[in-house]
PDB file of all heavy atoms in Angstrom:
ATOM      1  N   ARG A   1     100.092 100.028 118.951  1.00  0.00           N
ATOM      2  CA  ARG A   1      99.867 101.428 118.593  1.00  0.00           C
ATOM      3  C   ARG A   1      99.371 101.623 117.165  1.00  0.00           C
ATOM      4  O   ARG A   1      98.579 102.531 116.895  1.00  0.00           O
ATOM      5  CB  ARG A   1     101.169 102.209 118.778  1.00  0.00           C
ATOM      6  CG  ARG A   1     101.606 102.374 120.214  1.00  0.00           C
ATOM      7  CD  ARG A   1     103.009 102.961 120.279  1.00  0.00           C
ATOM      8  NE  ARG A   1     103.428 103.235 121.656  1.00  0.00           N
ATOM      9  CZ  ARG A   1     104.654 103.637 121.999  1.00  0.00           C
ATOM     10  NH1 ARG A   1     105.580 103.812 121.060  1.00  0.00           N
ATOM     11  NH2 ARG A   1     104.942 103.872 123.263  1.00  0.00           N
ATOM     12  N   PHE A   2      99.839 100.787 116.220  1.00  0.00           N
ATOM     13  CA  PHE A   2      99.632 101.125 114.808  1.00  0.00           C
ATOM     14  C   PHE A   2      98.899 100.069 113.984  1.00  0.00           C
ATOM     15  O   PHE A   2      98.643 100.303 112.803  1.00  0.00           O
ATOM     16  CB  PHE A   2     100.987 101.431 114.152  1.00  0.00           C
ATOM     17  CG  PHE A   2     101.651 102.649 114.729  1.00  0.00           C
ATOM     18  CD1 PHE A   2     102.696 102.535 115.628  1.00  0.00           C
ATOM     19  CD2 PHE A   2     101.202 103.921 114.397  1.00  0.00           C
ATOM     20  CE1 PHE A   2     103.295 103.658 116.173  1.00  0.00           C
ATOM     21  CE2 PHE A   2     101.786 105.052 114.943  1.00  0.00           C
ATOM     22  CZ  PHE A   2     102.835 104.917 115.826  1.00  0.00           C
ATOM     23  N   ASP A   3      98.555  98.943 114.573  1.00  0.00           N
ATOM     24  CA  ASP A   3      97.863  97.904 113.811  1.00  0.00           C
ATOM     25  C   ASP A   3      96.564  98.426 113.202  1.00  0.00           C
ATOM     26  O   ASP A   3      96.193  98.062 112.083  1.00  0.00           O
ATOM     27  CB  ASP A   3      97.569  96.698 114.709  1.00  0.00           C
ATOM     28  CG  ASP A   3      97.848  95.388 114.015  1.00  0.00           C
ATOM     29  OD1 ASP A   3      98.478  95.412 112.945  1.00  0.00           O
ATOM     30  OD2 ASP A   3      97.445  94.336 114.543  1.00  0.00           O
ATOM     31  N   HIS A   4      95.877  99.288 113.942  1.00  0.00           N
ATOM     32  CA  HIS A   4      94.583  99.792 113.470  1.00  0.00           C
ATOM     33  C   HIS A   4      94.754 100.934 112.473  1.00  0.00           C
ATOM     34  O   HIS A   4      93.837 101.237 111.702  1.00  0.00           O
ATOM     35  CB  HIS A   4      93.766 100.296 114.652  1.00  0.00           C
ATOM     36  CG  HIS A   4      94.367 101.495 115.331  1.00  0.00           C
ATOM     37  ND1 HIS A   4      95.502 101.418 116.114  1.00  0.00           N
ATOM     38  CD2 HIS A   4      94.003 102.807 115.308  1.00  0.00           C
ATOM     39  CE1 HIS A   4      95.812 102.624 116.559  1.00  0.00           C
ATOM     40  NE2 HIS A   4      94.926 103.489 116.083  1.00  0.00           N
ATOM     41  N   GLN A   5      95.915 101.577 112.481  1.00  0.00           N
ATOM     42  CA  GLN A   5      96.129 102.768 111.653  1.00  0.00           C
ATOM     43  C   GLN A   5      96.713 102.431 110.280  1.00  0.00           C
ATOM     44  O   GLN A   5      96.419 103.113 109.292  1.00  0.00           O
ATOM     45  CB  GLN A   5      97.075 103.732 112.378  1.00  0.00           C
ATOM     46  CG  GLN A   5      97.387 105.015 111.607  1.00  0.00           C
ATOM     47  CD  GLN A   5      98.296 105.941 112.394  1.00  0.00           C
ATOM     48  OE1 GLN A   5      98.171 106.061 113.615  1.00  0.00           O
ATOM     49  NE2 GLN A   5      99.220 106.597 111.720  1.00  0.00           N
ATOM     50  N   ILE A   6      97.530 101.379 110.229  1.00  0.00           N
ATOM     51  CA  ILE A   6      98.190 100.996 108.981  1.00  0.00           C
ATOM     52  C   ILE A   6      97.683  99.605 108.595  1.00  0.00           C
ATOM     53  O   ILE A   6      98.095  98.602 109.193  1.00  0.00           O
ATOM     54  CB  ILE A   6      99.719 100.996 109.145  1.00  0.00           C
ATOM     55  CG1 ILE A   6     100.204 102.369 109.615  1.00  0.00           C
ATOM     56  CG2 ILE A   6     100.403 100.612 107.838  1.00  0.00           C
ATOM     57  CD1 ILE A   6     101.674 102.424 109.970  1.00  0.00           C
ATOM     58  N   PRO A   7      96.800  99.509 107.615  1.00  0.00           N
ATOM     59  CA  PRO A   7      96.180  98.221 107.275  1.00  0.00           C
ATOM     60  C   PRO A   7      97.178  97.129 106.908  1.00  0.00           C
ATOM     61  O   PRO A   7      97.043  95.993 107.351  1.00  0.00           O
ATOM     62  CB  PRO A   7      95.282  98.578 106.082  1.00  0.00           C
ATOM     63  CG  PRO A   7      94.987 100.033 106.257  1.00  0.00           C
ATOM     64  CD  PRO A   7      96.227 100.622 106.842  1.00  0.00           C
ATOM     65  N   LEU A   8      98.182  97.458 106.106  1.00  0.00           N
ATOM     66  CA  LEU A   8      99.182  96.467 105.706  1.00  0.00           C
ATOM     67  C   LEU A   8     100.468  96.715 106.489  1.00  0.00           C
ATOM     68  O   LEU A   8     101.431  97.300 105.998  1.00  0.00           O
ATOM     69  CB  LEU A   8      99.432  96.542 104.197  1.00  0.00           C
ATOM     70  CG  LEU A   8      98.236  96.175 103.311  1.00  0.00           C
ATOM     71  CD1 LEU A   8      98.609  96.306 101.840  1.00  0.00           C
ATOM     72  CD2 LEU A   8      97.740  94.763 103.612  1.00  0.00           C
ATOM     73  N   LEU A   9     100.455  96.285 107.753  1.00  0.00           N
ATOM     74  CA  LEU A   9     101.583  96.482 108.655  1.00  0.00           C
ATOM     75  C   LEU A   9     102.188  95.133 108.996  1.00  0.00           C
ATOM     76  O   LEU A   9     101.504  94.243 109.513  1.00  0.00           O
ATOM     77  CB  LEU A   9     101.130  97.189 109.930  1.00  0.00           C
ATOM     78  CG  LEU A   9     102.184  97.421 111.011  1.00  0.00           C
ATOM     79  CD1 LEU A   9     103.285  98.350 110.513  1.00  0.00           C
ATOM     80  CD2 LEU A   9     101.543  97.989 112.289  1.00  0.00           C
ATOM     81  N   GLU A  10     103.472  94.954 108.679  1.00  0.00           N
ATOM     82  CA  GLU A  10     104.194  93.734 108.998  1.00  0.00           C
ATOM     83  C   GLU A  10     105.264  94.085 110.025  1.00  0.00           C
ATOM     84  O   GLU A  10     106.157  94.893 109.739  1.00  0.00           O
ATOM     85  CB  GLU A  10     104.859  93.145 107.755  1.00  0.00           C
ATOM     86  CG  GLU A  10     103.914  92.868 106.600  1.00  0.00           C
ATOM     87  CD  GLU A  10     104.669  92.544 105.329  1.00  0.00           C
ATOM     88  OE1 GLU A  10     105.577  91.672 105.372  1.00  0.00           O
ATOM     89  OE2 GLU A  10     104.364  93.154 104.291  1.00  0.00           O
ATOM     90  N   LEU A  11     105.178  93.492 111.208  1.00  0.00           N
ATOM     91  CA  LEU A  11     106.147  93.762 112.262  1.00  0.00           C
ATOM     92  C   LEU A  11     106.895  92.481 112.596  1.00  0.00           C
ATOM     93  O   LEU A  11     106.274  91.449 112.893  1.00  0.00           O
ATOM     94  CB  LEU A  11     105.453  94.329 113.499  1.00  0.00           C
ATOM     95  CG  LEU A  11     104.847  95.727 113.306  1.00  0.00           C
ATOM     96  CD1 LEU A  11     104.013  96.119 114.516  1.00  0.00           C
ATOM     97  CD2 LEU A  11     105.941  96.764 113.055  1.00  0.00           C
ATOM     98  N   LEU A  12     108.217  92.545 112.537  1.00  0.00           N
ATOM     99  CA  LEU A  12     109.049  91.363 112.674  1.00  0.00           C
ATOM    100  C   LEU A  12     110.102  91.563 113.756  1.00  0.00           C
ATOM    101  O   LEU A  12     110.671  92.649 113.894  1.00  0.00           O
ATOM    102  CB  LEU A  12     109.754  91.063 111.344  1.00  0.00           C
ATOM    103  CG  LEU A  12     108.837  90.967 110.107  1.00  0.00           C
ATOM    104  CD1 LEU A  12     109.669  90.919 108.843  1.00  0.00           C
ATOM    105  CD2 LEU A  12     107.936  89.744 110.204  1.00  0.00           C
ATOM    106  N   VAL A  13     110.356  90.511 114.503  1.00  0.00           N
ATOM    107  CA  VAL A  13     111.394  90.526 115.534  1.00  0.00           C
ATOM    108  C   VAL A  13     112.620  89.807 114.990  1.00  0.00           C
ATOM    109  O   VAL A  13     112.513  88.686 114.470  1.00  0.00           O
ATOM    110  CB  VAL A  13     110.921  89.829 116.822  1.00  0.00           C
ATOM    111  CG1 VAL A  13     112.036  89.808 117.867  1.00  0.00           C
ATOM    112  CG2 VAL A  13     109.682  90.517 117.376  1.00  0.00           C
ATOM    113  N   GLY A  14     113.773  90.443 115.066  1.00  0.00           N
ATOM    114  CA  GLY A  14     114.987  89.789 114.614  1.00  0.00           C
ATOM    115  C   GLY A  14     116.170  90.727 114.556  1.00  0.00           C
ATOM    116  O   GLY A  14     116.038  91.939 114.724  1.00  0.00           O
ATOM    117  N   ASP A  15     117.326  90.135 114.315  1.00  0.00           N
ATOM    118  CA  ASP A  15     118.586  90.858 114.218  1.00  0.00           C
ATOM    119  C   ASP A  15     118.901  91.095 112.748  1.00  0.00           C
ATOM    120  O   ASP A  15     119.110  90.130 111.992  1.00  0.00           O
ATOM    121  CB  ASP A  15     119.696  90.037 114.873  1.00  0.00           C
ATOM    122  CG  ASP A  15     121.006  90.794 115.005  1.00  0.00           C
ATOM    123  OD1 ASP A  15     121.236  91.737 114.218  1.00  0.00           O
ATOM    124  OD2 ASP A  15     121.812  90.438 115.888  1.00  0.00           O
ATOM    125  N   VAL A  16     118.932  92.352 112.336  1.00  0.00           N
ATOM    126  CA  VAL A  16     119.164  92.659 110.921  1.00  0.00           C
ATOM    127  C   VAL A  16     120.559  92.251 110.458  1.00  0.00           C
ATOM    128  O   VAL A  16     120.812  92.185 109.254  1.00  0.00           O
ATOM    129  CB  VAL A  16     118.935  94.159 110.625  1.00  0.00           C
ATOM    130  CG1 VAL A  16     117.478  94.528 110.811  1.00  0.00           C
ATOM    131  CG2 VAL A  16     119.838  95.034 111.477  1.00  0.00           C
ATOM    132  N   GLN A  17     121.454  91.968 111.389  1.00  0.00           N
ATOM    133  CA  GLN A  17     122.809  91.551 111.013  1.00  0.00           C
ATOM    134  C   GLN A  17     122.868  90.079 110.616  1.00  0.00           C
ATOM    135  O   GLN A  17     123.660  89.699 109.744  1.00  0.00           O
ATOM    136  CB  GLN A  17     123.790  91.774 112.161  1.00  0.00           C
ATOM    137  CG  GLN A  17     123.894  93.193 112.650  1.00  0.00           C
ATOM    138  CD  GLN A  17     124.803  93.307 113.839  1.00  0.00           C
ATOM    139  OE1 GLN A  17     125.995  93.587 113.707  1.00  0.00           O
ATOM    140  NE2 GLN A  17     124.269  93.100 115.029  1.00  0.00           N
ATOM    141  N   THR A  18     122.051  89.251 111.260  1.00  0.00           N
ATOM    142  CA  THR A  18     122.209  87.805 111.108  1.00  0.00           C
ATOM    143  C   THR A  18     120.965  87.067 110.637  1.00  0.00           C
ATOM    144  O   THR A  18     121.081  86.008 110.025  1.00  0.00           O
ATOM    145  CB  THR A  18     122.654  87.185 112.445  1.00  0.00           C
ATOM    146  OG1 THR A  18     121.684  87.514 113.469  1.00  0.00           O
ATOM    147  CG2 THR A  18     124.018  87.722 112.873  1.00  0.00           C
ATOM    148  N   ASP A  19     119.789  87.598 110.908  1.00  0.00           N
ATOM    149  CA  ASP A  19     118.562  86.879 110.576  1.00  0.00           C
ATOM    150  C   ASP A  19     118.154  87.105 109.123  1.00  0.00           C
ATOM    151  O   ASP A  19     118.475  88.128 108.520  1.00  0.00           O
ATOM    152  CB  ASP A  19     117.420  87.306 111.508  1.00  0.00           C
ATOM    153  CG  ASP A  19     117.655  86.857 112.942  1.00  0.00           C
ATOM    154  OD1 ASP A  19     118.425  85.895 113.136  1.00  0.00           O
ATOM    155  OD2 ASP A  19     117.086  87.467 113.864  1.00  0.00           O
ATOM    156  N   GLU A  20     117.421  86.143 108.593  1.00  0.00           N
ATOM    157  CA  GLU A  20     116.896  86.251 107.237  1.00  0.00           C
ATOM    158  C   GLU A  20     115.437  86.682 107.322  1.00  0.00           C
ATOM    159  O   GLU A  20     114.634  86.066 108.025  1.00  0.00           O
ATOM    160  CB  GLU A  20     117.000  84.908 106.507  1.00  0.00           C
ATOM    161  CG  GLU A  20     118.429  84.410 106.322  1.00  0.00           C
ATOM    162  CD  GLU A  20     119.248  85.303 105.400  1.00  0.00           C
ATOM    163  OE1 GLU A  20     118.647  85.982 104.538  1.00  0.00           O
ATOM    164  OE2 GLU A  20     120.484  85.316 105.545  1.00  0.00           O
ATOM    165  N   PHE A  21     115.090  87.729 106.592  1.00  0.00           N
ATOM    166  CA  PHE A  21     113.712  88.213 106.557  1.00  0.00           C
ATOM    167  C   PHE A  21     113.159  87.981 105.159  1.00  0.00           C
ATOM    168  O   PHE A  21     113.820  88.276 104.158  1.00  0.00           O
ATOM    169  CB  PHE A  21     113.661  89.697 106.917  1.00  0.00           C
ATOM    170  CG  PHE A  21     114.169  89.986 108.308  1.00  0.00           C
ATOM    171  CD1 PHE A  21     115.466  90.440 108.519  1.00  0.00           C
ATOM    172  CD2 PHE A  21     113.366  89.772 109.410  1.00  0.00           C
ATOM    173  CE1 PHE A  21     115.939  90.693 109.790  1.00  0.00           C
ATOM    174  CE2 PHE A  21     113.829  90.025 110.701  1.00  0.00           C
ATOM    175  CZ  PHE A  21     115.120  90.482 110.886  1.00  0.00           C
ATOM    176  N   THR A  22     111.959  87.457 105.103  1.00  0.00           N
ATOM    177  CA  THR A  22     111.414  87.030 103.815  1.00  0.00           C
ATOM    178  C   THR A  22     110.297  87.939 103.304  1.00  0.00           C
ATOM    179  O   THR A  22     109.569  87.559 102.400  1.00  0.00           O
ATOM    180  CB  THR A  22     110.868  85.595 103.931  1.00  0.00           C
ATOM    181  OG1 THR A  22     109.865  85.538 104.966  1.00  0.00           O
ATOM    182  CG2 THR A  22     111.986  84.620 104.270  1.00  0.00           C
ATOM    183  N   PHE A  23     110.181  89.139 103.857  1.00  0.00           N
ATOM    184  CA  PHE A  23     109.127  90.023 103.362  1.00  0.00           C
ATOM    185  C   PHE A  23     109.439  90.497 101.945  1.00  0.00           C
ATOM    186  O   PHE A  23     110.612  90.580 101.534  1.00  0.00           O
ATOM    187  CB  PHE A  23     108.894  91.203 104.306  1.00  0.00           C
ATOM    188  CG  PHE A  23     110.075  92.111 104.529  1.00  0.00           C
ATOM    189  CD1 PHE A  23     110.373  93.130 103.636  1.00  0.00           C
ATOM    190  CD2 PHE A  23     110.873  91.970 105.659  1.00  0.00           C
ATOM    191  CE1 PHE A  23     111.448  93.993 103.855  1.00  0.00           C
ATOM    192  CE2 PHE A  23     111.956  92.818 105.883  1.00  0.00           C
ATOM    193  CZ  PHE A  23     112.236  93.832 104.983  1.00  0.00           C
ATOM    194  N   ALA A  24     108.393  90.799 101.189  1.00  0.00           N
ATOM    195  CA  ALA A  24     108.568  91.267  99.819  1.00  0.00           C
ATOM    196  C   ALA A  24     109.347  92.578  99.815  1.00  0.00           C
ATOM    197  O   ALA A  24     109.164  93.414 100.708  1.00  0.00           O
ATOM    198  CB  ALA A  24     107.201  91.459  99.163  1.00  0.00           C
ATOM    199  N   PRO A  25     110.206  92.778  98.837  1.00  0.00           N
ATOM    200  CA  PRO A  25     111.009  94.000  98.787  1.00  0.00           C
ATOM    201  C   PRO A  25     110.161  95.261  98.797  1.00  0.00           C
ATOM    202  O   PRO A  25     109.029  95.272  98.312  1.00  0.00           O
ATOM    203  CB  PRO A  25     111.791  93.853  97.472  1.00  0.00           C
ATOM    204  CG  PRO A  25     111.851  92.390  97.229  1.00  0.00           C
ATOM    205  CD  PRO A  25     110.547  91.860  97.742  1.00  0.00           C
ATOM    206  N   VAL A  26     110.723  96.323  99.352  1.00  0.00           N
ATOM    207  CA  VAL A  26     110.034  97.606  99.479  1.00  0.00           C
ATOM    208  C   VAL A  26     110.753  98.669  98.661  1.00  0.00           C
ATOM    209  O   VAL A  26     111.887  98.475  98.221  1.00  0.00           O
ATOM    210  CB  VAL A  26     109.936  98.042 100.957  1.00  0.00           C
ATOM    211  CG1 VAL A  26     109.125  97.038 101.767  1.00  0.00           C
ATOM    212  CG2 VAL A  26     111.334  98.214 101.558  1.00  0.00           C
ATOM    213  N   GLU A  27     110.099  99.805  98.486  1.00  0.00           N
ATOM    214  CA  GLU A  27     110.683 100.890  97.696  1.00  0.00           C
ATOM    215  C   GLU A  27     111.600 101.788  98.518  1.00  0.00           C
ATOM    216  O   GLU A  27     112.464 102.468  97.963  1.00  0.00           O
ATOM    217  CB  GLU A  27     109.565 101.722  97.059  1.00  0.00           C
ATOM    218  CG  GLU A  27     108.742 100.939  96.051  1.00  0.00           C
ATOM    219  CD  GLU A  27     107.619 101.755  95.439  1.00  0.00           C
ATOM    220  OE1 GLU A  27     107.491 102.955  95.780  1.00  0.00           O
ATOM    221  OE2 GLU A  27     106.863 101.201  94.626  1.00  0.00           O
ATOM    222  N   LEU A  28     111.402 101.799  99.843  1.00  0.00           N
ATOM    223  CA  LEU A  28     112.210 102.648 100.718  1.00  0.00           C
ATOM    224  C   LEU A  28     112.528 101.901 102.001  1.00  0.00           C
ATOM    225  O   LEU A  28     111.634 101.324 102.628  1.00  0.00           O
ATOM    226  CB  LEU A  28     111.449 103.937 101.062  1.00  0.00           C
ATOM    227  CG  LEU A  28     112.101 104.887 102.076  1.00  0.00           C
ATOM    228  CD1 LEU A  28     113.356 105.530 101.495  1.00  0.00           C
ATOM    229  CD2 LEU A  28     111.116 105.978 102.528  1.00  0.00           C
ATOM    230  N   VAL A  29     113.803 101.885 102.376  1.00  0.00           N
ATOM    231  CA  VAL A  29     114.233 101.358 103.673  1.00  0.00           C
ATOM    232  C   VAL A  29     114.776 102.522 104.485  1.00  0.00           C
ATOM    233  O   VAL A  29     115.642 103.267 104.012  1.00  0.00           O
ATOM    234  CB  VAL A  29     115.304 100.263 103.524  1.00  0.00           C
ATOM    235  CG1 VAL A  29     115.934  99.943 104.882  1.00  0.00           C
ATOM    236  CG2 VAL A  29     114.700  98.996 102.927  1.00  0.00           C
ATOM    237  N   PHE A  30     114.276 102.673 105.702  1.00  0.00           N
ATOM    238  CA  PHE A  30     114.724 103.743 106.587  1.00  0.00           C
ATOM    239  C   PHE A  30     115.511 103.132 107.737  1.00  0.00           C
ATOM    240  O   PHE A  30     115.019 102.249 108.454  1.00  0.00           O
ATOM    241  CB  PHE A  30     113.529 104.525 107.129  1.00  0.00           C
ATOM    242  CG  PHE A  30     113.911 105.677 108.040  1.00  0.00           C
ATOM    243  CD1 PHE A  30     114.579 106.776 107.539  1.00  0.00           C
ATOM    244  CD2 PHE A  30     113.598 105.647 109.388  1.00  0.00           C
ATOM    245  CE1 PHE A  30     114.942 107.842 108.360  1.00  0.00           C
ATOM    246  CE2 PHE A  30     113.938 106.706 110.227  1.00  0.00           C
ATOM    247  CZ  PHE A  30     114.619 107.801 109.704  1.00  0.00           C
ATOM    248  N   ALA A  31     116.747 103.591 107.914  1.00  0.00           N
ATOM    249  CA  ALA A  31     117.615 103.107 108.988  1.00  0.00           C
ATOM    250  C   ALA A  31     118.127 104.309 109.760  1.00  0.00           C
ATOM    251  O   ALA A  31     119.175 104.873 109.446  1.00  0.00           O
ATOM    252  CB  ALA A  31     118.773 102.286 108.414  1.00  0.00           C
ATOM    253  N   GLY A  32     117.377 104.715 110.749  1.00  0.00           N
ATOM    254  CA  GLY A  32     117.726 105.881 111.543  1.00  0.00           C
ATOM    255  C   GLY A  32     118.452 105.486 112.815  1.00  0.00           C
ATOM    256  O   GLY A  32     117.888 104.795 113.671  1.00  0.00           O
ATOM    257  N   LEU A  33     119.713 105.903 112.955  1.00  0.00           N
ATOM    258  CA  LEU A  33     120.547 105.585 114.115  1.00  0.00           C
ATOM    259  C   LEU A  33     120.629 104.078 114.342  1.00  0.00           C
ATOM    260  O   LEU A  33     120.548 103.588 115.464  1.00  0.00           O
ATOM    261  CB  LEU A  33     120.026 106.297 115.367  1.00  0.00           C
ATOM    262  CG  LEU A  33     119.949 107.824 115.263  1.00  0.00           C
ATOM    263  CD1 LEU A  33     119.529 108.428 116.597  1.00  0.00           C
ATOM    264  CD2 LEU A  33     121.275 108.413 114.798  1.00  0.00           C
ATOM    265  N   LEU A  34     120.785 103.350 113.259  1.00  0.00           N
ATOM    266  CA  LEU A  34     120.944 101.901 113.306  1.00  0.00           C
ATOM    267  C   LEU A  34     122.401 101.483 113.150  1.00  0.00           C
ATOM    268  O   LEU A  34     122.890 100.613 113.872  1.00  0.00           O
ATOM    269  CB  LEU A  34     120.109 101.251 112.197  1.00  0.00           C
ATOM    270  CG  LEU A  34     120.308  99.740 112.014  1.00  0.00           C
ATOM    271  CD1 LEU A  34     119.552  98.983 113.100  1.00  0.00           C
ATOM    272  CD2 LEU A  34     119.838  99.284 110.627  1.00  0.00           C
ATOM    273  N   PHE A  35     123.110 102.122 112.229  1.00  0.00           N
ATOM    274  CA  PHE A  35     124.440 101.655 111.876  1.00  0.00           C
ATOM    275  C   PHE A  35     125.459 101.828 112.998  1.00  0.00           C
ATOM    276  O   PHE A  35     126.522 101.204 112.970  1.00  0.00           O
ATOM    277  CB  PHE A  35     124.920 102.337 110.587  1.00  0.00           C
ATOM    278  CG  PHE A  35     124.305 101.721 109.360  1.00  0.00           C
ATOM    279  CD1 PHE A  35     123.185 102.283 108.778  1.00  0.00           C
ATOM    280  CD2 PHE A  35     124.831 100.564 108.814  1.00  0.00           C
ATOM    281  CE1 PHE A  35     122.605 101.704 107.660  1.00  0.00           C
ATOM    282  CE2 PHE A  35     124.260  99.978 107.702  1.00  0.00           C
ATOM    283  CZ  PHE A  35     123.145 100.539 107.114  1.00  0.00           C
ATOM    284  N   GLU A  36     125.139 102.649 113.994  1.00  0.00           N
ATOM    285  CA  GLU A  36     126.027 102.789 115.151  1.00  0.00           C
ATOM    286  C   GLU A  36     126.093 101.503 115.982  1.00  0.00           C
ATOM    287  O   GLU A  36     126.994 101.339 116.807  1.00  0.00           O
ATOM    288  CB  GLU A  36     125.557 103.928 116.054  1.00  0.00           C
ATOM    289  CG  GLU A  36     125.735 105.318 115.466  1.00  0.00           C
ATOM    290  CD  GLU A  36     124.594 105.745 114.555  1.00  0.00           C
ATOM    291  OE1 GLU A  36     123.733 104.890 114.233  1.00  0.00           O
ATOM    292  OE2 GLU A  36     124.564 106.914 114.157  1.00  0.00           O
ATOM    293  N   TYR A  37     125.134 100.590 115.776  1.00  0.00           N
ATOM    294  CA  TYR A  37     125.015  99.415 116.640  1.00  0.00           C
ATOM    295  C   TYR A  37     125.143  98.090 115.884  1.00  0.00           C
ATOM    296  O   TYR A  37     124.889  97.035 116.472  1.00  0.00           O
ATOM    297  CB  TYR A  37     123.670  99.455 117.375  1.00  0.00           C
ATOM    298  CG  TYR A  37     123.498 100.695 118.215  1.00  0.00           C
ATOM    299  CD1 TYR A  37     122.772 101.781 117.746  1.00  0.00           C
ATOM    300  CD2 TYR A  37     124.101 100.792 119.468  1.00  0.00           C
ATOM    301  CE1 TYR A  37     122.634 102.937 118.503  1.00  0.00           C
ATOM    302  CE2 TYR A  37     123.969 101.943 120.230  1.00  0.00           C
ATOM    303  CZ  TYR A  37     123.232 103.015 119.744  1.00  0.00           C
ATOM    304  OH  TYR A  37     123.105 104.157 120.497  1.00  0.00           O
ATOM    305  N   VAL A  38     125.517  98.146 114.618  1.00  0.00           N
ATOM    306  CA  VAL A  38     125.575  96.922 113.818  1.00  0.00           C
ATOM    307  C   VAL A  38     126.854  96.891 112.994  1.00  0.00           C
ATOM    308  O   VAL A  38     127.573  97.888 112.891  1.00  0.00           O
ATOM    309  CB  VAL A  38     124.353  96.824 112.876  1.00  0.00           C
ATOM    310  CG1 VAL A  38     123.054  96.746 113.670  1.00  0.00           C
ATOM    311  CG2 VAL A  38     124.320  97.994 111.885  1.00  0.00           C
ATOM    312  N   ASP A  39     127.106  95.739 112.397  1.00  0.00           N
ATOM    313  CA  ASP A  39     128.175  95.610 111.422  1.00  0.00           C
ATOM    314  C   ASP A  39     127.645  96.191 110.110  1.00  0.00           C
ATOM    315  O   ASP A  39     126.752  95.622 109.480  1.00  0.00           O
ATOM    316  CB  ASP A  39     128.533  94.131 111.261  1.00  0.00           C
ATOM    317  CG  ASP A  39     129.659  93.906 110.268  1.00  0.00           C
ATOM    318  OD1 ASP A  39     129.577  94.432 109.133  1.00  0.00           O
ATOM    319  OD2 ASP A  39     130.607  93.188 110.587  1.00  0.00           O
ATOM    320  N   ALA A  40     128.178  97.334 109.709  1.00  0.00           N
ATOM    321  CA  ALA A  40     127.634  98.058 108.560  1.00  0.00           C
ATOM    322  C   ALA A  40     127.656  97.227 107.286  1.00  0.00           C
ATOM    323  O   ALA A  40     126.669  97.203 106.533  1.00  0.00           O
ATOM    324  CB  ALA A  40     128.396  99.365 108.352  1.00  0.00           C
ATOM    325  N   GLU A  41     128.763  96.536 107.036  1.00  0.00           N
ATOM    326  CA  GLU A  41     128.850  95.740 105.813  1.00  0.00           C
ATOM    327  C   GLU A  41     127.809  94.629 105.797  1.00  0.00           C
ATOM    328  O   GLU A  41     127.154  94.377 104.780  1.00  0.00           O
ATOM    329  CB  GLU A  41     130.256  95.155 105.656  1.00  0.00           C
ATOM    330  CG  GLU A  41     131.284  96.151 105.181  1.00  0.00           C
ATOM    331  CD  GLU A  41     132.507  95.462 104.584  1.00  0.00           C
ATOM    332  OE1 GLU A  41     132.418  95.023 103.422  1.00  0.00           O
ATOM    333  OE2 GLU A  41     133.514  95.374 105.286  1.00  0.00           O
ATOM    334  N   ALA A  42     127.649  93.939 106.908  1.00  0.00           N
ATOM    335  CA  ALA A  42     126.684  92.846 106.979  1.00  0.00           C
ATOM    336  C   ALA A  42     125.270  93.343 106.732  1.00  0.00           C
ATOM    337  O   ALA A  42     124.485  92.715 106.011  1.00  0.00           O
ATOM    338  CB  ALA A  42     126.779  92.146 108.333  1.00  0.00           C
ATOM    339  N   VAL A  43     124.936  94.491 107.326  1.00  0.00           N
ATOM    340  CA  VAL A  43     123.574  95.007 107.194  1.00  0.00           C
ATOM    341  C   VAL A  43     123.324  95.568 105.791  1.00  0.00           C
ATOM    342  O   VAL A  43     122.246  95.379 105.221  1.00  0.00           O
ATOM    343  CB  VAL A  43     123.303  96.060 108.286  1.00  0.00           C
ATOM    344  CG1 VAL A  43     121.971  96.752 108.056  1.00  0.00           C
ATOM    345  CG2 VAL A  43     123.308  95.392 109.657  1.00  0.00           C
TER     346      VAL A  43
END
């Protein structure tokens, strides 16, 4: 849907609770209706 619309788009598959993601830090992280399904402290 969005590869053509957002030139610098990085899409990653993984579990935010346990996996390590190596993308460069960002200025804003959006977590909408995420914490209901994860270990809040870990995330």
